[in-house]
PDB file of N, CA and C in Angstrom:
ATOM      1  N   MET A   1     103.932  89.274  99.393  1.00  0.00           N
ATOM      2  CA  MET A   1     104.672  89.607  98.196  1.00  0.00           C
ATOM      3  C   MET A   1     105.600  88.438  97.846  1.00  0.00           C
ATOM      4  N   ASN A   2     105.592  88.069  96.589  1.00  0.00           N
ATOM      5  CA  ASN A   2     106.392  86.968  96.064  1.00  0.00           C
ATOM      6  C   ASN A   2     107.862  87.390  95.944  1.00  0.00           C
ATOM      7  N   ALA A   3     108.781  86.440  96.031  1.00  0.00           N
ATOM      8  CA  ALA A   3     110.218  86.737  95.908  1.00  0.00           C
ATOM      9  C   ALA A   3     110.537  87.321  94.539  1.00  0.00           C
ATOM     10  N   TYR A   4     109.837  86.874  93.518  1.00  0.00           N
ATOM     11  CA  TYR A   4     110.076  87.374  92.164  1.00  0.00           C
ATOM     12  C   TYR A   4     109.480  88.769  91.950  1.00  0.00           C
ATOM     13  N   ASP A   5     108.588  89.197  92.821  1.00  0.00           N
ATOM     14  CA  ASP A   5     108.073  90.562  92.774  1.00  0.00           C
ATOM     15  C   ASP A   5     109.044  91.537  93.427  1.00  0.00           C
ATOM     16  N   ILE A   6     109.843  91.062  94.347  1.00  0.00           N
ATOM     17  CA  ILE A   6     110.793  91.925  95.059  1.00  0.00           C
ATOM     18  C   ILE A   6     112.016  92.215  94.203  1.00  0.00           C
ATOM     19  N   ILE A   7     112.609  91.179  93.597  1.00  0.00           N
ATOM     20  CA  ILE A   7     113.793  91.336  92.754  1.00  0.00           C
ATOM     21  C   ILE A   7     113.321  91.619  91.332  1.00  0.00           C
ATOM     22  N   ILE A   8     113.637  92.814  90.812  1.00  0.00           N
ATOM     23  CA  ILE A   8     113.175  93.196  89.479  1.00  0.00           C
ATOM     24  C   ILE A   8     114.140  92.716  88.409  1.00  0.00           C
ATOM     25  N   LYS A   9     115.418  93.130  88.505  1.00  0.00           N
ATOM     26  CA  LYS A   9     116.417  92.686  87.532  1.00  0.00           C
ATOM     27  C   LYS A   9     117.808  93.013  88.058  1.00  0.00           C
ATOM     28  N   PRO A  10     118.842  92.344  87.509  1.00  0.00           N
ATOM     29  CA  PRO A  10     120.214  92.663  87.936  1.00  0.00           C
ATOM     30  C   PRO A  10     120.680  93.972  87.313  1.00  0.00           C
ATOM     31  N   VAL A  11     121.579  94.650  88.000  1.00  0.00           N
ATOM     32  CA  VAL A  11     122.179  95.880  87.488  1.00  0.00           C
ATOM     33  C   VAL A  11     123.457  95.489  86.747  1.00  0.00           C
ATOM     34  N   LEU A  12     123.554  95.857  85.477  1.00  0.00           N
ATOM     35  CA  LEU A  12     124.693  95.474  84.652  1.00  0.00           C
ATOM     36  C   LEU A  12     125.480  96.716  84.259  1.00  0.00           C
ATOM     37  N   THR A  13     126.271  97.223  85.207  1.00  0.00           N
ATOM     38  CA  THR A  13     127.115  98.395  84.980  1.00  0.00           C
ATOM     39  C   THR A  13     128.545  98.047  85.372  1.00  0.00           C
ATOM     40  N   GLU A  14     129.475  98.940  85.040  1.00  0.00           N
ATOM     41  CA  GLU A  14     130.872  98.702  85.391  1.00  0.00           C
ATOM     42  C   GLU A  14     131.061  98.622  86.898  1.00  0.00           C
ATOM     43  N   LYS A  15     130.393  99.475  87.633  1.00  0.00           N
ATOM     44  CA  LYS A  15     130.509  99.460  89.093  1.00  0.00           C
ATOM     45  C   LYS A  15     129.986  98.134  89.652  1.00  0.00           C
ATOM     46  N   ALA A  16     128.905  97.629  89.084  1.00  0.00           N
ATOM     47  CA  ALA A  16     128.352  96.357  89.543  1.00  0.00           C
ATOM     48  C   ALA A  16     129.286  95.200  89.197  1.00  0.00           C
ATOM     49  N   TYR A  17     129.975  95.267  88.055  1.00  0.00           N
ATOM     50  CA  TYR A  17     130.903  94.206  87.654  1.00  0.00           C
ATOM     51  C   TYR A  17     132.089  94.105  88.597  1.00  0.00           C
ATOM     52  N   ASP A  18     132.516  95.219  89.175  1.00  0.00           N
ATOM     53  CA  ASP A  18     133.678  95.223  90.061  1.00  0.00           C
ATOM     54  C   ASP A  18     133.475  94.341  91.295  1.00  0.00           C
ATOM     55  N   GLY A  19     132.252  94.201  91.758  1.00  0.00           N
ATOM     56  CA  GLY A  19     131.998  93.427  92.967  1.00  0.00           C
ATOM     57  C   GLY A  19     131.788  91.949  92.742  1.00  0.00           C
ATOM     58  N   ILE A  20     131.613  91.521  91.501  1.00  0.00           N
ATOM     59  CA  ILE A  20     131.295  90.126  91.224  1.00  0.00           C
ATOM     60  C   ILE A  20     132.396  89.185  91.717  1.00  0.00           C
ATOM     61  N   ALA A  21     133.650  89.583  91.576  1.00  0.00           N
ATOM     62  CA  ALA A  21     134.763  88.734  92.017  1.00  0.00           C
ATOM     63  C   ALA A  21     134.739  88.518  93.534  1.00  0.00           C
ATOM     64  N   ASN A  22     134.184  89.454  94.282  1.00  0.00           N
ATOM     65  CA  ASN A  22     134.102  89.361  95.746  1.00  0.00           C
ATOM     66  C   ASN A  22     132.743  88.876  96.231  1.00  0.00           C
ATOM     67  N   LYS A  23     131.945  88.317  95.322  1.00  0.00           N
ATOM     68  CA  LYS A  23     130.591  87.824  95.624  1.00  0.00           C
ATOM     69  C   LYS A  23     129.670  88.939  96.106  1.00  0.00           C
ATOM     70  N   LYS A  24     129.802  90.109  95.492  1.00  0.00           N
ATOM     71  CA  LYS A  24     128.914  91.227  95.800  1.00  0.00           C
ATOM     72  C   LYS A  24     128.137  91.549  94.523  1.00  0.00           C
ATOM     73  N   TYR A  25     126.824  91.448  94.593  1.00  0.00           N
ATOM     74  CA  TYR A  25     125.964  91.595  93.427  1.00  0.00           C
ATOM     75  C   TYR A  25     125.000  92.754  93.635  1.00  0.00           C
ATOM     76  N   CYS A  26     124.527  93.327  92.522  1.00  0.00           N
ATOM     77  CA  CYS A  26     123.638  94.480  92.580  1.00  0.00           C
ATOM     78  C   CYS A  26     122.355  94.169  91.809  1.00  0.00           C
ATOM     79  N   PHE A  27     121.219  94.504  92.392  1.00  0.00           N
ATOM     80  CA  PHE A  27     119.914  94.259  91.780  1.00  0.00           C
ATOM     81  C   PHE A  27     119.025  95.477  91.933  1.00  0.00           C
ATOM     82  N   TYR A  28     118.145  95.693  90.949  1.00  0.00           N
ATOM     83  CA  TYR A  28     117.041  96.627  91.127  1.00  0.00           C
ATOM     84  C   TYR A  28     115.957  95.870  91.875  1.00  0.00           C
ATOM     85  N   VAL A  29     115.414  96.495  92.921  1.00  0.00           N
ATOM     86  CA  VAL A  29     114.386  95.850  93.731  1.00  0.00           C
ATOM     87  C   VAL A  29     113.162  96.763  93.816  1.00  0.00           C
ATOM     88  N   ASP A  30     112.078  96.215  94.327  1.00  0.00           N
ATOM     89  CA  ASP A  30     110.848  96.973  94.521  1.00  0.00           C
ATOM     90  C   ASP A  30     111.113  98.153  95.449  1.00  0.00           C
ATOM     91  N   VAL A  31     110.487  99.296  95.170  1.00  0.00           N
ATOM     92  CA  VAL A  31     110.755 100.512  95.953  1.00  0.00           C
ATOM     93  C   VAL A  31     110.283 100.409  97.400  1.00  0.00           C
ATOM     94  N   ASN A  32     109.422  99.449  97.704  1.00  0.00           N
ATOM     95  CA  ASN A  32     108.933  99.281  99.078  1.00  0.00           C
ATOM     96  C   ASN A  32     109.595  98.114  99.797  1.00  0.00           C
ATOM     97  N   ALA A  33     110.557  97.452  99.168  1.00  0.00           N
ATOM     98  CA  ALA A  33     111.189  96.269  99.755  1.00  0.00           C
ATOM     99  C   ALA A  33     112.166  96.656 100.863  1.00  0.00           C
ATOM    100  N   THR A  34     112.189  95.860 101.917  1.00  0.00           N
ATOM    101  CA  THR A  34     113.126  96.073 103.018  1.00  0.00           C
ATOM    102  C   THR A  34     114.349  95.180 102.824  1.00  0.00           C
ATOM    103  N   LYS A  35     115.388  95.420 103.633  1.00  0.00           N
ATOM    104  CA  LYS A  35     116.604  94.606 103.545  1.00  0.00           C
ATOM    105  C   LYS A  35     116.314  93.133 103.825  1.00  0.00           C
ATOM    106  N   THR A  36     115.474  92.865 104.801  1.00  0.00           N
ATOM    107  CA  THR A  36     115.136  91.488 105.158  1.00  0.00           C
ATOM    108  C   THR A  36     114.395  90.800 104.025  1.00  0.00           C
ATOM    109  N   GLU A  37     113.465  91.500 103.391  1.00  0.00           N
ATOM    110  CA  GLU A  37     112.733  90.915 102.270  1.00  0.00           C
ATOM    111  C   GLU A  37     113.661  90.629 101.095  1.00  0.00           C
ATOM    112  N   VAL A  38     114.597  91.529 100.835  1.00  0.00           N
ATOM    113  CA  VAL A  38     115.551  91.328  99.744  1.00  0.00           C
ATOM    114  C   VAL A  38     116.438  90.127 100.050  1.00  0.00           C
ATOM    115  N   LYS A  39     116.920  90.028 101.273  1.00  0.00           N
ATOM    116  CA  LYS A  39     117.767  88.903 101.673  1.00  0.00           C
ATOM    117  C   LYS A  39     117.041  87.577 101.483  1.00  0.00           C
ATOM    118  N   ASN A  40     115.815  87.487 101.968  1.00  0.00           N
ATOM    119  CA  ASN A  40     115.043  86.254 101.847  1.00  0.00           C
ATOM    120  C   ASN A  40     114.745  85.919 100.381  1.00  0.00           C
ATOM    121  N   ALA A  41     114.473  86.931  99.564  1.00  0.00           N
ATOM    122  CA  ALA A  41     114.175  86.698  98.155  1.00  0.00           C
ATOM    123  C   ALA A  41     115.403  86.176  97.413  1.00  0.00           C
ATOM    124  N   ILE A  42     116.573  86.762  97.657  1.00  0.00           N
ATOM    125  CA  ILE A  42     117.804  86.318  96.999  1.00  0.00           C
ATOM    126  C   ILE A  42     118.133  84.880  97.411  1.00  0.00           C
ATOM    127  N   GLU A  43     118.005  84.584  98.698  1.00  0.00           N
ATOM    128  CA  GLU A  43     118.289  83.232  99.175  1.00  0.00           C
ATOM    129  C   GLU A  43     117.330  82.217  98.579  1.00  0.00           C
ATOM    130  N   LYS A  44     116.073  82.594  98.399  1.00  0.00           N
ATOM    131  CA  LYS A  44     115.082  81.668  97.840  1.00  0.00           C
ATOM    132  C   LYS A  44     115.285  81.465  96.340  1.00  0.00           C
ATOM    133  N   ILE A  45     115.523  82.543  95.596  1.00  0.00           N
ATOM    134  CA  ILE A  45     115.621  82.448  94.136  1.00  0.00           C
ATOM    135  C   ILE A  45     116.914  81.755  93.702  1.00  0.00           C
ATOM    136  N   PHE A  46     118.050  82.165  94.268  1.00  0.00           N
ATOM    137  CA  PHE A  46     119.347  81.676  93.800  1.00  0.00           C
ATOM    138  C   PHE A  46     119.948  80.590  94.686  1.00  0.00           C
ATOM    139  N   GLU A  47     119.319  80.246  95.815  1.00  0.00           N
ATOM    140  CA  GLU A  47     119.777  79.213  96.738  1.00  0.00           C
ATOM    141  C   GLU A  47     121.214  79.471  97.197  1.00  0.00           C
ATOM    142  N   VAL A  48     121.445  80.672  97.718  1.00  0.00           N
ATOM    143  CA  VAL A  48     122.746  81.088  98.239  1.00  0.00           C
ATOM    144  C   VAL A  48     122.555  81.614  99.657  1.00  0.00           C
ATOM    145  N   GLU A  49     123.672  81.868 100.358  1.00  0.00           N
ATOM    146  CA  GLU A  49     123.617  82.445 101.696  1.00  0.00           C
ATOM    147  C   GLU A  49     124.054  83.903 101.630  1.00  0.00           C
ATOM    148  N   VAL A  50     123.196  84.804 102.096  1.00  0.00           N
ATOM    149  CA  VAL A  50     123.470  86.239 102.052  1.00  0.00           C
ATOM    150  C   VAL A  50     124.037  86.690 103.389  1.00  0.00           C
ATOM    151  N   GLU A  51     125.150  87.417 103.323  1.00  0.00           N
ATOM    152  CA  GLU A  51     125.765  87.950 104.536  1.00  0.00           C
ATOM    153  C   GLU A  51     125.171  89.308 104.900  1.00  0.00           C
ATOM    154  N   SER A  52     125.074  90.219 103.904  1.00  0.00           N
ATOM    155  CA  SER A  52     124.543  91.548 104.181  1.00  0.00           C
ATOM    156  C   SER A  52     123.867  92.120 102.942  1.00  0.00           C
ATOM    157  N   VAL A  53     123.002  93.100 103.190  1.00  0.00           N
ATOM    158  CA  VAL A  53     122.294  93.803 102.116  1.00  0.00           C
ATOM    159  C   VAL A  53     122.377  95.298 102.393  1.00  0.00           C
ATOM    160  N   ASN A  54     122.805  96.064 101.397  1.00  0.00           N
ATOM    161  CA  ASN A  54     122.781  97.525 101.470  1.00  0.00           C
ATOM    162  C   ASN A  54     121.847  98.025 100.393  1.00  0.00           C
ATOM    163  N   ILE A  55     121.036  99.020 100.724  1.00  0.00           N
ATOM    164  CA  ILE A  55     120.036  99.532  99.786  1.00  0.00           C
ATOM    165  C   ILE A  55     120.296 101.000  99.506  1.00  0.00           C
ATOM    166  N   ALA A  56     120.160 101.371  98.229  1.00  0.00           N
ATOM    167  CA  ALA A  56     120.326 102.764  97.804  1.00  0.00           C
ATOM    168  C   ALA A  56     119.090 103.182  97.021  1.00  0.00           C
ATOM    169  N   ASN A  57     118.530 104.336  97.381  1.00  0.00           N
ATOM    170  CA  ASN A  57     117.409 104.898  96.640  1.00  0.00           C
ATOM    171  C   ASN A  57     117.954 105.800  95.535  1.00  0.00           C
ATOM    172  N   VAL A  58     117.476 105.611  94.317  1.00  0.00           N
ATOM    173  CA  VAL A  58     117.937 106.376  93.166  1.00  0.00           C
ATOM    174  C   VAL A  58     116.785 107.263  92.700  1.00  0.00           C
ATOM    175  N   ARG A  59     117.001 108.581  92.766  1.00  0.00           N
ATOM    176  CA  ARG A  59     115.965 109.515  92.329  1.00  0.00           C
ATOM    177  C   ARG A  59     115.819 109.487  90.815  1.00  0.00           C
ATOM    178  N   GLY A  60     114.639 109.844  90.330  1.00  0.00           N
ATOM    179  CA  GLY A  60     114.422 109.940  88.900  1.00  0.00           C
ATOM    180  C   GLY A  60     115.134 111.151  88.323  1.00  0.00           C
ATOM    181  N   LYS A  61     115.578 111.043  87.070  1.00  0.00           N
ATOM    182  CA  LYS A  61     116.283 112.138  86.422  1.00  0.00           C
ATOM    183  C   LYS A  61     115.324 112.958  85.574  1.00  0.00           C
ATOM    184  N   LYS A  62     115.608 114.259  85.466  1.00  0.00           N
ATOM    185  CA  LYS A  62     114.794 115.113  84.614  1.00  0.00           C
ATOM    186  C   LYS A  62     115.162 114.866  83.156  1.00  0.00           C
ATOM    187  N   LYS A  63     114.159 114.733  82.321  1.00  0.00           N
ATOM    188  CA  LYS A  63     114.359 114.536  80.890  1.00  0.00           C
ATOM    189  C   LYS A  63     113.493 115.544  80.143  1.00  0.00           C
ATOM    190  N   ARG A  64     114.056 116.116  79.081  1.00  0.00           N
ATOM    191  CA  ARG A  64     113.306 117.065  78.258  1.00  0.00           C
ATOM    192  C   ARG A  64     113.184 116.519  76.849  1.00  0.00           C
ATOM    193  N   GLU A  65     111.999 116.694  76.288  1.00  0.00           N
ATOM    194  CA  GLU A  65     111.775 116.293  74.908  1.00  0.00           C
ATOM    195  C   GLU A  65     110.756 117.231  74.292  1.00  0.00           C
ATOM    196  N   ARG A  66     111.181 117.930  73.267  1.00  0.00           N
ATOM    197  CA  ARG A  66     110.308 118.863  72.541  1.00  0.00           C
ATOM    198  C   ARG A  66     109.664 119.899  73.454  1.00  0.00           C
ATOM    199  N   GLY A  67     110.441 120.441  74.359  1.00  0.00           N
ATOM    200  CA  GLY A  67     109.940 121.517  75.202  1.00  0.00           C
ATOM    201  C   GLY A  67     109.208 121.085  76.458  1.00  0.00           C
ATOM    202  N   THR A  68     108.862 119.823  76.580  1.00  0.00           N
ATOM    203  CA  THR A  68     108.183 119.372  77.794  1.00  0.00           C
ATOM    204  C   THR A  68     109.203 118.720  78.721  1.00  0.00           C
ATOM    205  N   VAL A  69     108.975 118.877  80.009  1.00  0.00           N
ATOM    206  CA  VAL A  69     109.889 118.325  81.004  1.00  0.00           C
ATOM    207  C   VAL A  69     109.199 117.175  81.710  1.00  0.00           C
ATOM    208  N   GLY A  70     109.922 116.073  81.861  1.00  0.00           N
ATOM    209  CA  GLY A  70     109.398 114.918  82.576  1.00  0.00           C
ATOM    210  C   GLY A  70     110.461 114.370  83.506  1.00  0.00           C
ATOM    211  N   VAL A  71     110.101 113.362  84.251  1.00  0.00           N
ATOM    212  CA  VAL A  71     111.018 112.748  85.192  1.00  0.00           C
ATOM    213  C   VAL A  71     110.945 111.232  85.016  1.00  0.00           C
ATOM    214  N   THR A  72     112.113 110.584  84.957  1.00  0.00           N
ATOM    215  CA  THR A  72     112.126 109.125  84.895  1.00  0.00           C
ATOM    216  C   THR A  72     111.736 108.561  86.255  1.00  0.00           C
ATOM    217  N   ALA A  73     111.370 107.319  86.285  1.00  0.00           N
ATOM    218  CA  ALA A  73     110.899 106.698  87.516  1.00  0.00           C
ATOM    219  C   ALA A  73     112.028 106.547  88.529  1.00  0.00           C
ATOM    220  N   ALA A  74     111.699 106.711  89.798  1.00  0.00           N
ATOM    221  CA  ALA A  74     112.665 106.476  90.873  1.00  0.00           C
ATOM    222  C   ALA A  74     112.857 104.974  91.025  1.00  0.00           C
ATOM    223  N   ARG A  75     114.062 104.570  91.417  1.00  0.00           N
ATOM    224  CA  ARG A  75     114.383 103.156  91.571  1.00  0.00           C
ATOM    225  C   ARG A  75     115.028 102.909  92.919  1.00  0.00           C
ATOM    226  N   ARG A  76     115.221 101.640  93.212  1.00  0.00           N
ATOM    227  CA  ARG A  76     115.879 101.233  94.451  1.00  0.00           C
ATOM    228  C   ARG A  76     116.844 100.110  94.108  1.00  0.00           C
ATOM    229  N   LYS A  77     118.107 100.280  94.508  1.00  0.00           N
ATOM    230  CA  LYS A  77     119.134  99.277  94.235  1.00  0.00           C
ATOM    231  C   LYS A  77     119.506  98.572  95.522  1.00  0.00           C
ATOM    232  N   ALA A  78     119.749  97.273  95.415  1.00  0.00           N
ATOM    233  CA  ALA A  78     120.212  96.492  96.557  1.00  0.00           C
ATOM    234  C   ALA A  78     121.560  95.885  96.218  1.00  0.00           C
ATOM    235  N   TYR A  79     122.551  96.153  97.066  1.00  0.00           N
ATOM    236  CA  TYR A  79     123.871  95.549  96.946  1.00  0.00           C
ATOM    237  C   TYR A  79     123.914  94.381  97.917  1.00  0.00           C
ATOM    238  N   VAL A  80     124.077  93.174  97.381  1.00  0.00           N
ATOM    239  CA  VAL A  80     123.988  91.950  98.175  1.00  0.00           C
ATOM    240  C   VAL A  80     125.368  91.311  98.283  1.00  0.00           C
ATOM    241  N   GLN A  81     125.845  91.108  99.524  1.00  0.00           N
ATOM    242  CA  GLN A  81     127.134  90.445  99.774  1.00  0.00           C
ATOM    243  C   GLN A  81     126.853  89.026 100.234  1.00  0.00           C
ATOM    244  N   LEU A  82     127.416  88.036  99.519  1.00  0.00           N
ATOM    245  CA  LEU A  82     127.239  86.639  99.900  1.00  0.00           C
ATOM    246  C   LEU A  82     128.325  86.237 100.893  1.00  0.00           C
ATOM    247  N   THR A  83     128.062  85.156 101.627  1.00  0.00           N
ATOM    248  CA  THR A  83     129.048  84.658 102.576  1.00  0.00           C
ATOM    249  C   THR A  83     130.205  83.989 101.842  1.00  0.00           C
ATOM    250  N   GLU A  84     131.327  83.784 102.537  1.00  0.00           N
ATOM    251  CA  GLU A  84     132.515  83.169 101.939  1.00  0.00           C
ATOM    252  C   GLU A  84     132.242  81.746 101.466  1.00  0.00           C
ATOM    253  N   LYS A  85     131.480  80.977 102.249  1.00  0.00           N
ATOM    254  CA  LYS A  85     131.248  79.574 101.893  1.00  0.00           C
ATOM    255  C   LYS A  85     130.097  79.388 100.915  1.00  0.00           C
ATOM    256  N   SER A  86     129.378  80.440 100.603  1.00  0.00           N
ATOM    257  CA  SER A  86     128.249  80.360  99.684  1.00  0.00           C
ATOM    258  C   SER A  86     128.727  80.181  98.247  1.00  0.00           C
ATOM    259  N   LYS A  87     127.918  79.510  97.441  1.00  0.00           N
ATOM    260  CA  LYS A  87     128.249  79.388  96.024  1.00  0.00           C
ATOM    261  C   LYS A  87     127.949  80.706  95.320  1.00  0.00           C
ATOM    262  N   THR A  88     128.475  80.873  94.112  1.00  0.00           N
ATOM    263  CA  THR A  88     128.230  82.097  93.350  1.00  0.00           C
ATOM    264  C   THR A  88     126.901  81.995  92.611  1.00  0.00           C
ATOM    265  N   ILE A  89     126.430  83.116  92.099  1.00  0.00           N
ATOM    266  CA  ILE A  89     125.208  83.132  91.304  1.00  0.00           C
ATOM    267  C   ILE A  89     125.602  82.851  89.857  1.00  0.00           C
ATOM    268  N   PRO A  90     125.105  81.770  89.243  1.00  0.00           N
ATOM    269  CA  PRO A  90     125.568  81.351  87.919  1.00  0.00           C
ATOM    270  C   PRO A  90     125.387  82.412  86.828  1.00  0.00           C
ATOM    271  N   PHE A  91     124.362  83.242  86.907  1.00  0.00           N
ATOM    272  CA  PHE A  91     124.114  84.263  85.890  1.00  0.00           C
ATOM    273  C   PHE A  91     125.302  85.210  85.752  1.00  0.00           C
ATOM    274  N   PHE A  92     125.949  85.532  86.867  1.00  0.00           N
ATOM    275  CA  PHE A  92     127.032  86.501  86.876  1.00  0.00           C
ATOM    276  C   PHE A  92     128.412  85.898  86.605  1.00  0.00           C
ATOM    277  N   ASP A  93     128.534  84.569  86.554  1.00  0.00           N
ATOM    278  CA  ASP A  93     129.841  83.923  86.407  1.00  0.00           C
ATOM    279  C   ASP A  93     130.567  84.342  85.144  1.00  0.00           C
ATOM    280  N   SER A  94     129.859  84.464  84.037  1.00  0.00           N
ATOM    281  CA  SER A  94     130.511  84.822  82.774  1.00  0.00           C
ATOM    282  C   SER A  94     130.795  86.322  82.686  1.00  0.00           C
ATOM    283  N   LEU A  95     130.211  87.140  83.567  1.00  0.00           N
ATOM    284  CA  LEU A  95     130.381  88.591  83.490  1.00  0.00           C
ATOM    285  C   LEU A  95     131.577  89.083  84.274  1.00  0.00           C
ATOM    286  N   GLY A  96     131.957  88.420  85.354  1.00  0.00           N
ATOM    287  CA  GLY A  96     133.009  88.900  86.235  1.00  0.00           C
ATOM    288  C   GLY A  96     134.338  88.549  85.776  1.00  0.00           C
TER     289      GLY A  96
END
């Protein structure tokens, strides 16, 4: 699996913005990705040093439209903490 297949996109919410100042970033990742795979992918893509990775599984929500019930897709979030001496991720610099 390619590093770009593991990291889907960054999470851009208020909770995710709170961690940017402390070098803690949040990403949507592949539902089958492990912590080690996420760590290696982040280090390869952004050329930073990762200290720790925490993963949260997000269940799909029920949605109703015109009497039919459906469920949104389940997701997986990875909270990535960089080391103190590591550089920041440039994409997030203007957001924090």
